[in-house]
Amino acid sequence: MEAAIRWSPHSRPDRQRFLLVDVASSRLRLYQIESSKAAPLKYKLVAQRDKLPNFTAFDWSKTEESLVAVGSASGEATLIQLDADRPSHAEPNRSFPIRHQRKCNSIAFSVKNALATGLDRVRNDFCLNIYDLNAAASPQQQEPLRKLATSEAVYSIRFFARQPDTLVAGVSRQYIRLFDLRGNHSSSQTTPSIISAC
């Protein structure tokens, strides 16, 4: 994928917005519809972010209109503010590095402000990380709240909107797994999952 268009989950009838995700140029452009009553469609640029890390996955925050996340080719997750008051080259809001670099295949926000990243397989390391974005930004909080899927590549992930503590993941090109994220919050422990063959 070189480019994609994503509709804002926060759009309203009086303010409809979309994002041009330019993967090839590592750029994000936020647009707002000015008029949709006649062709051609009229829209204006609201915010732009250039020179982003080379990213391979993208998601829009379910709780904050101006916040998006990208997953990089090295596996790092980065939060980016998209608002007109910040310059296009502004520093990323927050980043979550990983120990063993590999591609981030998927990234997803929950409505409870958690962020999940699905990574390529590496031996003896977790490939599904869950971060708590409600926690204060600090070096300690760059560590995942949960680490799941040991030595299993995770290719796609999504939280359920009505059950934000439940995460579905496509794992190892063979399984769909449901993770229940309630209970013990120790990052070293996994939670029960339901496994079914694809």
N, C-alpha and C. Protein backbone atom coordinates (compact mmCIF):
# COMPACT_ATOMS: atom_id res chain seq x y z
N MET A 1 0.84 -1.19 0.00
CA MET A 1 0.00 0.00 0.00
C MET A 1 0.88 1.24 0.00
N GLU A 2 0.66 2.12 -0.97
CA GLU A 2 1.42 3.36 -1.04
C GLU A 2 0.67 4.53 -0.42
N ALA A 3 -0.67 4.49 -0.53
CA ALA A 3 -1.48 5.56 0.03
C ALA A 3 -2.88 5.03 0.31
N ALA A 4 -3.57 5.69 1.24
CA ALA A 4 -4.94 5.29 1.58
C ALA A 4 -5.67 6.51 2.12
N ILE A 5 -7.00 6.46 2.04
CA ILE A 5 -7.84 7.50 2.61
C ILE A 5 -8.65 6.88 3.74
N ARG A 6 -8.65 7.54 4.90
CA ARG A 6 -9.39 7.06 6.05
C ARG A 6 -10.33 8.16 6.54
N TRP A 7 -11.61 7.80 6.70
CA TRP A 7 -12.61 8.74 7.19
C TRP A 7 -12.49 8.88 8.69
N SER A 8 -12.61 10.09 9.19
CA SER A 8 -12.48 10.32 10.63
C SER A 8 -13.63 9.67 11.38
N PRO A 9 -13.34 8.89 12.44
CA PRO A 9 -14.42 8.34 13.26
C PRO A 9 -15.13 9.41 14.09
N HIS A 10 -14.58 10.63 14.08
CA HIS A 10 -15.14 11.74 14.85
C HIS A 10 -15.90 12.72 13.97
N SER A 11 -16.06 12.40 12.69
CA SER A 11 -16.78 13.31 11.79
C SER A 11 -18.23 13.50 12.21
N ARG A 12 -18.72 14.71 12.00
CA ARG A 12 -20.12 15.04 12.25
C ARG A 12 -20.71 15.59 10.96
N PRO A 13 -22.04 15.65 10.84
CA PRO A 13 -22.63 16.19 9.60
C PRO A 13 -22.14 17.60 9.27
N ASP A 14 -21.86 18.40 10.32
CA ASP A 14 -21.42 19.78 10.09
C ASP A 14 -19.90 19.91 10.00
N ARG A 15 -19.17 18.81 10.26
CA ARG A 15 -17.71 18.86 10.12
C ARG A 15 -17.21 17.46 9.76
N GLN A 16 -17.10 17.23 8.48
CA GLN A 16 -16.67 15.93 7.97
C GLN A 16 -15.20 16.01 7.57
N ARG A 17 -14.42 15.07 8.10
CA ARG A 17 -12.98 15.08 7.87
C ARG A 17 -12.47 13.72 7.41
N PHE A 18 -11.39 13.76 6.65
CA PHE A 18 -10.74 12.53 6.22
C PHE A 18 -9.23 12.72 6.22
N LEU A 19 -8.52 11.61 6.25
CA LEU A 19 -7.06 11.65 6.32
C LEU A 19 -6.48 10.95 5.10
N LEU A 20 -5.56 11.62 4.44
CA LEU A 20 -4.79 10.99 3.37
C LEU A 20 -3.53 10.42 4.00
N VAL A 21 -3.43 9.10 4.02
CA VAL A 21 -2.29 8.40 4.61
C VAL A 21 -1.32 8.07 3.49
N ASP A 22 -0.26 8.84 3.38
CA ASP A 22 0.73 8.68 2.31
C ASP A 22 1.91 7.87 2.85
N VAL A 23 1.84 6.56 2.67
CA VAL A 23 2.86 5.66 3.20
C VAL A 23 4.18 5.86 2.47
N ALA A 24 4.13 6.01 1.16
CA ALA A 24 5.35 6.13 0.37
C ALA A 24 6.17 7.35 0.75
N SER A 25 5.50 8.44 1.10
CA SER A 25 6.20 9.68 1.47
C SER A 25 6.26 9.92 2.97
N SER A 26 5.78 8.95 3.77
CA SER A 26 5.77 9.08 5.23
C SER A 26 5.13 10.40 5.67
N ARG A 27 3.89 10.60 5.18
CA ARG A 27 3.21 11.88 5.41
C ARG A 27 1.73 11.61 5.72
N LEU A 28 1.16 12.44 6.59
CA LEU A 28 -0.27 12.42 6.88
C LEU A 28 -0.85 13.79 6.58
N ARG A 29 -2.01 13.82 5.92
CA ARG A 29 -2.69 15.08 5.62
C ARG A 29 -4.15 14.97 6.03
N LEU A 30 -4.59 15.87 6.90
CA LEU A 30 -5.96 15.91 7.37
C LEU A 30 -6.73 16.97 6.59
N TYR A 31 -7.87 16.56 6.03
CA TYR A 31 -8.70 17.47 5.23
C TYR A 31 -10.09 17.57 5.84
N GLN A 32 -10.75 18.71 5.58
CA GLN A 32 -12.13 18.90 5.99
C GLN A 32 -12.97 19.25 4.77
N ILE A 33 -14.14 18.60 4.67
CA ILE A 33 -15.06 18.86 3.57
C ILE A 33 -15.66 20.25 3.74
N GLU A 34 -15.58 21.05 2.69
CA GLU A 34 -16.20 22.37 2.72
C GLU A 34 -17.58 22.35 2.10
N SER A 35 -17.74 21.56 1.03
CA SER A 35 -19.04 21.44 0.38
C SER A 35 -19.12 20.10 -0.32
N SER A 36 -20.20 19.38 -0.05
CA SER A 36 -20.41 18.08 -0.71
C SER A 36 -21.69 18.06 -1.52
N LYS A 37 -22.30 19.23 -1.69
CA LYS A 37 -23.60 19.29 -2.37
C LYS A 37 -23.47 19.32 -3.89
N ALA A 38 -22.31 19.66 -4.39
CA ALA A 38 -22.12 19.73 -5.84
C ALA A 38 -20.74 19.19 -6.19
N ALA A 39 -20.64 18.62 -7.39
CA ALA A 39 -19.35 18.14 -7.88
C ALA A 39 -18.61 19.31 -8.53
N PRO A 40 -17.28 19.35 -8.41
CA PRO A 40 -16.46 18.42 -7.63
C PRO A 40 -16.51 18.72 -6.14
N LEU A 41 -16.19 17.73 -5.34
CA LEU A 41 -16.16 17.87 -3.89
C LEU A 41 -15.15 18.93 -3.48
N LYS A 42 -15.53 19.81 -2.57
CA LYS A 42 -14.61 20.87 -2.12
C LYS A 42 -14.13 20.55 -0.71
N TYR A 43 -12.83 20.62 -0.51
CA TYR A 43 -12.25 20.35 0.80
C TYR A 43 -11.00 21.21 0.99
N LYS A 44 -10.59 21.35 2.26
CA LYS A 44 -9.41 22.16 2.56
C LYS A 44 -8.49 21.38 3.48
N LEU A 45 -7.20 21.70 3.41
CA LEU A 45 -6.19 21.09 4.27
C LEU A 45 -6.27 21.70 5.66
N VAL A 46 -6.38 20.84 6.68
CA VAL A 46 -6.46 21.30 8.07
C VAL A 46 -5.11 21.18 8.77
N ALA A 47 -4.46 20.04 8.58
CA ALA A 47 -3.17 19.80 9.23
C ALA A 47 -2.38 18.79 8.42
N GLN A 48 -1.06 18.87 8.56
CA GLN A 48 -0.17 17.97 7.83
C GLN A 48 1.01 17.62 8.69
N ARG A 49 1.45 16.36 8.61
CA ARG A 49 2.66 15.92 9.31
C ARG A 49 3.59 15.26 8.30
N ASP A 50 4.79 15.84 8.20
CA ASP A 50 5.80 15.36 7.26
C ASP A 50 6.94 14.67 7.99
N LYS A 51 7.76 13.99 7.23
CA LYS A 51 9.00 13.38 7.73
C LYS A 51 8.73 12.47 8.93
N LEU A 52 7.69 11.68 8.83
CA LEU A 52 7.37 10.71 9.88
C LEU A 52 8.27 9.49 9.74
N PRO A 53 8.38 8.68 10.78
CA PRO A 53 9.11 7.42 10.64
C PRO A 53 8.47 6.58 9.53
N ASN A 54 9.25 5.77 8.86
CA ASN A 54 8.73 4.89 7.82
C ASN A 54 7.71 3.95 8.46
N PHE A 55 6.41 4.16 8.17
CA PHE A 55 5.39 3.41 8.88
C PHE A 55 4.69 2.38 8.00
N THR A 56 4.17 1.34 8.66
CA THR A 56 3.54 0.22 7.96
C THR A 56 2.14 -0.06 8.48
N ALA A 57 1.69 0.65 9.50
CA ALA A 57 0.35 0.45 10.06
C ALA A 57 -0.14 1.79 10.61
N PHE A 58 -1.47 1.93 10.68
CA PHE A 58 -2.08 3.21 11.07
C PHE A 58 -3.42 2.96 11.74
N ASP A 59 -3.76 3.79 12.75
CA ASP A 59 -5.11 3.81 13.30
C ASP A 59 -5.39 5.19 13.89
N TRP A 60 -6.68 5.50 13.99
CA TRP A 60 -7.15 6.79 14.49
C TRP A 60 -7.71 6.58 15.89
N SER A 61 -7.37 7.45 16.82
CA SER A 61 -7.86 7.33 18.19
C SER A 61 -9.38 7.35 18.22
N LYS A 62 -9.94 6.50 19.07
CA LYS A 62 -11.39 6.46 19.23
C LYS A 62 -11.87 7.49 20.25
N THR A 63 -10.94 8.12 20.97
CA THR A 63 -11.32 9.06 22.03
C THR A 63 -10.88 10.49 21.77
N GLU A 64 -9.88 10.69 20.93
CA GLU A 64 -9.32 12.03 20.71
C GLU A 64 -9.22 12.30 19.22
N GLU A 65 -9.93 13.31 18.76
CA GLU A 65 -10.05 13.57 17.33
C GLU A 65 -8.72 13.85 16.64
N SER A 66 -7.81 14.52 17.34
CA SER A 66 -6.56 14.94 16.70
C SER A 66 -5.41 13.93 16.87
N LEU A 67 -5.69 12.77 17.44
CA LEU A 67 -4.63 11.81 17.74
C LEU A 67 -4.69 10.59 16.83
N VAL A 68 -3.56 10.29 16.19
CA VAL A 68 -3.43 9.07 15.38
C VAL A 68 -2.18 8.33 15.83
N ALA A 69 -2.11 7.06 15.48
CA ALA A 69 -0.93 6.26 15.80
C ALA A 69 -0.44 5.58 14.54
N VAL A 70 0.88 5.48 14.40
CA VAL A 70 1.48 4.73 13.31
C VAL A 70 2.42 3.69 13.89
N GLY A 71 2.48 2.55 13.24
CA GLY A 71 3.42 1.50 13.59
C GLY A 71 4.51 1.47 12.54
N SER A 72 5.75 1.51 12.95
CA SER A 72 6.86 1.67 12.01
C SER A 72 7.40 0.33 11.51
N ALA A 73 8.23 0.41 10.50
CA ALA A 73 8.89 -0.77 9.94
C ALA A 73 9.83 -1.41 10.96
N SER A 74 10.25 -0.64 11.97
CA SER A 74 11.12 -1.17 13.02
C SER A 74 10.33 -1.70 14.22
N GLY A 75 8.98 -1.53 14.19
CA GLY A 75 8.14 -2.03 15.25
C GLY A 75 7.71 -1.00 16.28
N GLU A 76 8.30 0.18 16.24
CA GLU A 76 7.97 1.22 17.21
C GLU A 76 6.60 1.81 16.92
N ALA A 77 5.82 2.05 17.95
CA ALA A 77 4.54 2.75 17.82
C ALA A 77 4.74 4.22 18.17
N THR A 78 4.15 5.10 17.37
CA THR A 78 4.32 6.53 17.58
C THR A 78 2.95 7.21 17.54
N LEU A 79 2.68 8.05 18.54
CA LEU A 79 1.47 8.85 18.57
C LEU A 79 1.76 10.20 17.94
N ILE A 80 0.81 10.68 17.13
CA ILE A 80 1.00 11.92 16.39
C ILE A 80 -0.24 12.79 16.56
N GLN A 81 -0.03 14.07 16.91
CA GLN A 81 -1.12 15.02 17.00
C GLN A 81 -1.34 15.67 15.64
N LEU A 82 -2.59 15.67 15.18
CA LEU A 82 -2.94 16.30 13.90
C LEU A 82 -3.86 17.48 14.19
N ASP A 83 -3.27 18.64 14.40
CA ASP A 83 -4.08 19.83 14.58
C ASP A 83 -3.37 21.02 13.94
N ALA A 84 -4.17 22.00 13.60
CA ALA A 84 -3.66 23.15 12.84
C ALA A 84 -2.69 24.00 13.64
N ASP A 85 -2.71 23.89 14.95
CA ASP A 85 -1.86 24.74 15.79
C ASP A 85 -0.43 24.22 15.91
N ARG A 86 -0.19 22.99 15.43
CA ARG A 86 1.16 22.43 15.51
C ARG A 86 1.80 22.45 14.13
N PRO A 87 3.09 22.81 14.03
CA PRO A 87 3.75 22.82 12.72
C PRO A 87 3.85 21.42 12.12
N SER A 88 3.98 21.37 10.80
CA SER A 88 3.97 20.08 10.10
C SER A 88 5.14 19.20 10.48
N HIS A 89 6.22 19.78 10.97
CA HIS A 89 7.41 19.01 11.35
C HIS A 89 7.51 18.81 12.86
N ALA A 90 6.40 19.02 13.57
CA ALA A 90 6.42 18.92 15.03
C ALA A 90 6.85 17.53 15.47
N GLU A 91 7.49 17.48 16.62
CA GLU A 91 7.94 16.20 17.17
C GLU A 91 6.74 15.32 17.50
N PRO A 92 6.88 13.99 17.36
CA PRO A 92 5.79 13.10 17.75
C PRO A 92 5.42 13.28 19.21
N ASN A 93 4.18 13.01 19.52
CA ASN A 93 3.67 13.18 20.87
C ASN A 93 4.31 12.19 21.83
N ARG A 94 4.42 10.93 21.44
CA ARG A 94 4.89 9.88 22.32
C ARG A 94 5.27 8.67 21.49
N SER A 95 6.32 7.96 21.89
CA SER A 95 6.76 6.78 21.15
C SER A 95 6.95 5.61 22.11
N PHE A 96 6.79 4.40 21.56
CA PHE A 96 6.92 3.17 22.33
C PHE A 96 7.88 2.23 21.61
N PRO A 97 9.17 2.31 21.93
CA PRO A 97 10.15 1.45 21.26
C PRO A 97 10.03 0.00 21.73
N ILE A 98 10.59 -0.91 20.95
CA ILE A 98 10.60 -2.33 21.32
C ILE A 98 12.04 -2.83 21.37
N ARG A 99 12.24 -3.95 22.03
CA ARG A 99 13.59 -4.48 22.24
C ARG A 99 14.18 -5.06 20.96
N HIS A 100 13.42 -5.94 20.27
CA HIS A 100 13.90 -6.57 19.04
C HIS A 100 13.14 -5.97 17.86
N GLN A 101 13.86 -5.24 17.02
CA GLN A 101 13.21 -4.56 15.92
C GLN A 101 12.67 -5.54 14.88
N ARG A 102 11.41 -5.29 14.47
CA ARG A 102 10.78 -5.99 13.36
C ARG A 102 9.53 -5.24 12.98
N LYS A 103 8.96 -5.57 11.85
CA LYS A 103 7.85 -4.82 11.28
C LYS A 103 6.60 -4.84 12.17
N CYS A 104 5.96 -3.68 12.28
CA CYS A 104 4.65 -3.60 12.91
C CYS A 104 3.61 -3.85 11.82
N ASN A 105 2.85 -4.92 11.96
CA ASN A 105 1.85 -5.29 10.95
C ASN A 105 0.51 -4.62 11.14
N SER A 106 0.17 -4.30 12.39
CA SER A 106 -1.14 -3.73 12.68
C SER A 106 -1.07 -2.94 13.97
N ILE A 107 -1.94 -1.93 14.07
CA ILE A 107 -1.99 -1.10 15.27
C ILE A 107 -3.45 -0.71 15.50
N ALA A 108 -3.88 -0.66 16.76
CA ALA A 108 -5.30 -0.39 17.03
C ALA A 108 -5.49 0.30 18.37
N PHE A 109 -6.40 1.28 18.38
CA PHE A 109 -6.85 1.94 19.61
C PHE A 109 -8.11 1.26 20.13
N SER A 110 -8.33 1.33 21.44
CA SER A 110 -9.61 0.93 22.01
C SER A 110 -10.35 2.17 22.48
N VAL A 111 -11.64 2.03 22.76
CA VAL A 111 -12.42 3.16 23.25
C VAL A 111 -12.06 3.50 24.70
N LYS A 112 -11.27 2.64 25.36
CA LYS A 112 -10.78 2.93 26.72
C LYS A 112 -9.37 3.49 26.68
N ASN A 113 -8.92 3.89 25.49
CA ASN A 113 -7.63 4.54 25.30
C ASN A 113 -6.44 3.62 25.54
N ALA A 114 -6.60 2.37 25.14
CA ALA A 114 -5.47 1.45 25.07
C ALA A 114 -4.97 1.43 23.63
N LEU A 115 -3.71 1.07 23.45
CA LEU A 115 -3.12 0.96 22.12
C LEU A 115 -2.46 -0.41 22.01
N ALA A 116 -2.81 -1.14 20.95
CA ALA A 116 -2.23 -2.47 20.72
C ALA A 116 -1.40 -2.45 19.44
N THR A 117 -0.27 -3.17 19.47
CA THR A 117 0.56 -3.31 18.27
C THR A 117 0.79 -4.79 17.99
N GLY A 118 0.63 -5.16 16.73
CA GLY A 118 0.89 -6.53 16.28
C GLY A 118 2.16 -6.56 15.46
N LEU A 119 3.11 -7.40 15.84
CA LEU A 119 4.45 -7.39 15.26
C LEU A 119 4.79 -8.70 14.56
N ASP A 120 5.78 -8.63 13.66
CA ASP A 120 6.33 -9.83 13.05
C ASP A 120 6.95 -10.72 14.12
N ARG A 121 7.11 -11.98 13.78
CA ARG A 121 7.64 -12.95 14.73
C ARG A 121 9.13 -12.75 14.97
N VAL A 122 9.52 -12.87 16.21
CA VAL A 122 10.92 -13.00 16.58
C VAL A 122 10.97 -14.02 17.70
N ARG A 123 11.99 -14.83 17.70
CA ARG A 123 12.05 -15.93 18.65
C ARG A 123 12.17 -15.42 20.09
N ASN A 124 11.41 -16.05 20.98
CA ASN A 124 11.46 -15.77 22.42
C ASN A 124 11.12 -14.33 22.78
N ASP A 125 10.22 -13.72 22.02
CA ASP A 125 9.75 -12.38 22.39
C ASP A 125 8.26 -12.29 22.06
N PHE A 126 7.60 -11.36 22.73
CA PHE A 126 6.17 -11.16 22.53
C PHE A 126 5.92 -10.38 21.24
N CYS A 127 4.82 -10.71 20.57
CA CYS A 127 4.51 -10.07 19.29
C CYS A 127 3.22 -9.26 19.33
N LEU A 128 2.57 -9.22 20.49
CA LEU A 128 1.37 -8.41 20.67
C LEU A 128 1.53 -7.62 21.97
N ASN A 129 1.65 -6.31 21.85
CA ASN A 129 1.87 -5.45 23.00
C ASN A 129 0.67 -4.53 23.20
N ILE A 130 0.26 -4.35 24.46
CA ILE A 130 -0.85 -3.47 24.81
C ILE A 130 -0.32 -2.37 25.71
N TYR A 131 -0.55 -1.11 25.32
CA TYR A 131 -0.09 0.04 26.10
C TYR A 131 -1.30 0.79 26.67
N ASP A 132 -1.13 1.33 27.87
CA ASP A 132 -2.17 2.12 28.51
C ASP A 132 -1.86 3.59 28.28
N LEU A 133 -2.63 4.24 27.42
CA LEU A 133 -2.37 5.65 27.10
C LEU A 133 -2.90 6.59 28.17
N ASN A 134 -3.66 6.07 29.12
CA ASN A 134 -4.15 6.90 30.23
C ASN A 134 -3.06 7.15 31.27
N ALA A 135 -2.03 6.32 31.25
CA ALA A 135 -0.93 6.49 32.20
C ALA A 135 -0.09 7.70 31.80
N ALA A 136 0.51 8.34 32.77
CA ALA A 136 1.37 9.49 32.51
C ALA A 136 2.57 9.07 31.67
N ALA A 137 2.95 9.95 30.76
CA ALA A 137 4.10 9.66 29.89
C ALA A 137 5.38 9.70 30.71
N SER A 138 6.08 8.58 30.75
CA SER A 138 7.35 8.47 31.45
C SER A 138 8.10 7.30 30.85
N PRO A 139 9.43 7.22 31.06
CA PRO A 139 10.17 6.08 30.53
C PRO A 139 9.59 4.73 30.97
N GLN A 140 9.08 4.67 32.21
CA GLN A 140 8.51 3.42 32.70
C GLN A 140 7.24 3.06 31.94
N GLN A 141 6.47 4.06 31.56
CA GLN A 141 5.21 3.80 30.88
C GLN A 141 5.38 3.53 29.39
N GLN A 142 6.61 3.51 28.91
CA GLN A 142 6.85 3.07 27.54
C GLN A 142 6.80 1.55 27.45
N GLU A 143 6.86 0.89 28.60
CA GLU A 143 6.73 -0.57 28.63
C GLU A 143 5.26 -0.95 28.47
N PRO A 144 4.98 -2.04 27.76
CA PRO A 144 3.58 -2.45 27.57
C PRO A 144 2.92 -2.85 28.89
N LEU A 145 1.63 -2.58 28.96
CA LEU A 145 0.82 -3.03 30.08
C LEU A 145 0.66 -4.56 30.00
N ARG A 146 0.51 -5.07 28.79
CA ARG A 146 0.40 -6.51 28.53
C ARG A 146 1.31 -6.90 27.39
N LYS A 147 1.89 -8.09 27.48
CA LYS A 147 2.70 -8.68 26.42
C LYS A 147 2.13 -10.05 26.12
N LEU A 148 1.74 -10.29 24.87
CA LEU A 148 1.06 -11.52 24.49
C LEU A 148 1.66 -12.10 23.22
N ALA A 149 1.24 -13.32 22.88
CA ALA A 149 1.61 -13.99 21.62
C ALA A 149 3.14 -14.16 21.50
N THR A 150 3.70 -14.99 22.35
CA THR A 150 5.14 -15.24 22.32
C THR A 150 5.54 -15.98 21.05
N SER A 151 6.50 -15.44 20.33
CA SER A 151 7.09 -16.06 19.13
C SER A 151 6.04 -16.40 18.07
N GLU A 152 4.96 -15.59 18.01
CA GLU A 152 3.92 -15.80 17.00
C GLU A 152 3.63 -14.47 16.32
N ALA A 153 3.82 -14.42 15.02
CA ALA A 153 3.56 -13.18 14.29
C ALA A 153 2.08 -12.81 14.38
N VAL A 154 1.82 -11.53 14.62
CA VAL A 154 0.46 -11.02 14.69
C VAL A 154 0.25 -10.09 13.50
N TYR A 155 -0.71 -10.45 12.63
CA TYR A 155 -0.87 -9.73 11.37
C TYR A 155 -2.00 -8.71 11.37
N SER A 156 -2.98 -8.90 12.24
CA SER A 156 -4.07 -7.93 12.31
C SER A 156 -4.67 -7.95 13.71
N ILE A 157 -5.13 -6.77 14.17
CA ILE A 157 -5.71 -6.65 15.50
C ILE A 157 -6.82 -5.61 15.49
N ARG A 158 -7.86 -5.86 16.29
CA ARG A 158 -8.93 -4.88 16.49
C ARG A 158 -9.56 -5.10 17.86
N PHE A 159 -9.88 -3.99 18.52
CA PHE A 159 -10.67 -4.04 19.74
C PHE A 159 -12.15 -4.03 19.37
N PHE A 160 -12.98 -4.66 20.20
CA PHE A 160 -14.42 -4.58 20.03
C PHE A 160 -14.90 -3.26 20.62
N ALA A 161 -15.73 -2.52 19.87
CA ALA A 161 -16.20 -1.22 20.34
C ALA A 161 -17.05 -1.36 21.59
N ARG A 162 -17.90 -2.37 21.67
CA ARG A 162 -18.80 -2.53 22.81
C ARG A 162 -18.18 -3.37 23.93
N GLN A 163 -17.07 -4.01 23.64
CA GLN A 163 -16.34 -4.78 24.65
C GLN A 163 -14.87 -4.41 24.55
N PRO A 164 -14.50 -3.22 25.05
CA PRO A 164 -13.15 -2.70 24.83
C PRO A 164 -12.04 -3.48 25.51
N ASP A 165 -12.38 -4.41 26.39
CA ASP A 165 -11.36 -5.26 27.00
C ASP A 165 -11.17 -6.57 26.24
N THR A 166 -11.80 -6.67 25.08
CA THR A 166 -11.66 -7.85 24.23
C THR A 166 -10.98 -7.46 22.93
N LEU A 167 -9.95 -8.20 22.58
CA LEU A 167 -9.14 -7.92 21.40
C LEU A 167 -9.13 -9.15 20.51
N VAL A 168 -9.36 -8.97 19.22
CA VAL A 168 -9.29 -10.07 18.26
C VAL A 168 -8.02 -9.89 17.43
N ALA A 169 -7.31 -10.98 17.19
CA ALA A 169 -6.03 -10.91 16.46
C ALA A 169 -5.90 -12.05 15.47
N GLY A 170 -5.35 -11.73 14.31
CA GLY A 170 -4.96 -12.75 13.34
C GLY A 170 -3.52 -13.14 13.62
N VAL A 171 -3.29 -14.42 13.96
CA VAL A 171 -1.99 -14.87 14.46
C VAL A 171 -1.42 -15.97 13.56
N SER A 172 -0.16 -15.83 13.20
CA SER A 172 0.62 -16.85 12.48
C SER A 172 -0.03 -17.34 11.19
N ARG A 173 -0.87 -16.51 10.60
CA ARG A 173 -1.57 -16.87 9.35
C ARG A 173 -2.37 -18.15 9.48
N GLN A 174 -2.71 -18.54 10.72
CA GLN A 174 -3.44 -19.78 10.96
C GLN A 174 -4.63 -19.62 11.89
N TYR A 175 -4.57 -18.67 12.81
CA TYR A 175 -5.55 -18.59 13.88
C TYR A 175 -6.17 -17.20 13.98
N ILE A 176 -7.40 -17.20 14.50
CA ILE A 176 -8.02 -15.99 15.01
C ILE A 176 -8.10 -16.19 16.51
N ARG A 177 -7.54 -15.26 17.27
CA ARG A 177 -7.54 -15.39 18.72
C ARG A 177 -8.26 -14.21 19.36
N LEU A 178 -9.05 -14.53 20.38
CA LEU A 178 -9.71 -13.51 21.18
C LEU A 178 -9.01 -13.43 22.52
N PHE A 179 -8.56 -12.24 22.88
CA PHE A 179 -7.88 -12.03 24.15
C PHE A 179 -8.78 -11.23 25.08
N ASP A 180 -8.96 -11.75 26.28
CA ASP A 180 -9.69 -11.04 27.33
C ASP A 180 -8.66 -10.32 28.18
N LEU A 181 -8.69 -8.99 28.15
CA LEU A 181 -7.66 -8.18 28.80
C LEU A 181 -8.01 -7.76 30.22
N ARG A 182 -9.11 -8.27 30.75
CA ARG A 182 -9.46 -7.98 32.13
C ARG A 182 -8.60 -8.80 33.08
N GLY A 183 -8.58 -8.40 34.34
CA GLY A 183 -7.87 -9.20 35.33
C GLY A 183 -6.48 -8.67 35.63
N ASN A 184 -5.54 -9.62 35.88
CA ASN A 184 -4.18 -9.27 36.29
C ASN A 184 -3.52 -8.37 35.27
N HIS A 185 -2.96 -7.25 35.71
CA HIS A 185 -2.34 -6.30 34.79
C HIS A 185 -0.83 -6.43 34.72
N SER A 186 -0.29 -7.55 35.17
CA SER A 186 1.16 -7.76 35.08
C SER A 186 1.54 -7.98 33.63
N SER A 187 2.53 -7.25 33.14
CA SER A 187 2.92 -7.36 31.73
C SER A 187 3.57 -8.70 31.42
N SER A 188 3.98 -9.43 32.42
CA SER A 188 4.66 -10.70 32.17
C SER A 188 3.69 -11.86 32.08
N GLN A 189 2.39 -11.60 32.30
CA GLN A 189 1.42 -12.68 32.26
C GLN A 189 0.45 -12.48 31.13
N THR A 190 0.12 -13.56 30.45
CA THR A 190 -0.88 -13.50 29.41
C THR A 190 -2.23 -13.79 30.01
N THR A 191 -3.27 -13.46 29.27
CA THR A 191 -4.63 -13.72 29.71
C THR A 191 -5.20 -14.83 28.85
N PRO A 192 -6.27 -15.50 29.31
CA PRO A 192 -6.84 -16.59 28.54
C PRO A 192 -7.28 -16.14 27.16
N SER A 193 -7.15 -16.99 26.18
CA SER A 193 -7.59 -16.66 24.84
C SER A 193 -8.39 -17.82 24.27
N ILE A 194 -9.27 -17.50 23.33
CA ILE A 194 -10.04 -18.50 22.62
C ILE A 194 -9.40 -18.66 21.26
N ILE A 195 -9.03 -19.87 20.90
CA ILE A 195 -8.31 -20.10 19.66
C ILE A 195 -9.17 -20.87 18.68
N SER A 196 -9.21 -20.43 17.45
CA SER A 196 -9.91 -21.18 16.41
C SER A 196 -9.12 -21.10 15.12
N ALA A 197 -9.15 -22.17 14.36
CA ALA A 197 -8.42 -22.19 13.08
C ALA A 197 -9.11 -21.32 12.05
N CYS A 198 -8.33 -20.67 11.23
CA CYS A 198 -8.89 -19.84 10.17
C CYS A 198 -9.36 -20.72 9.02
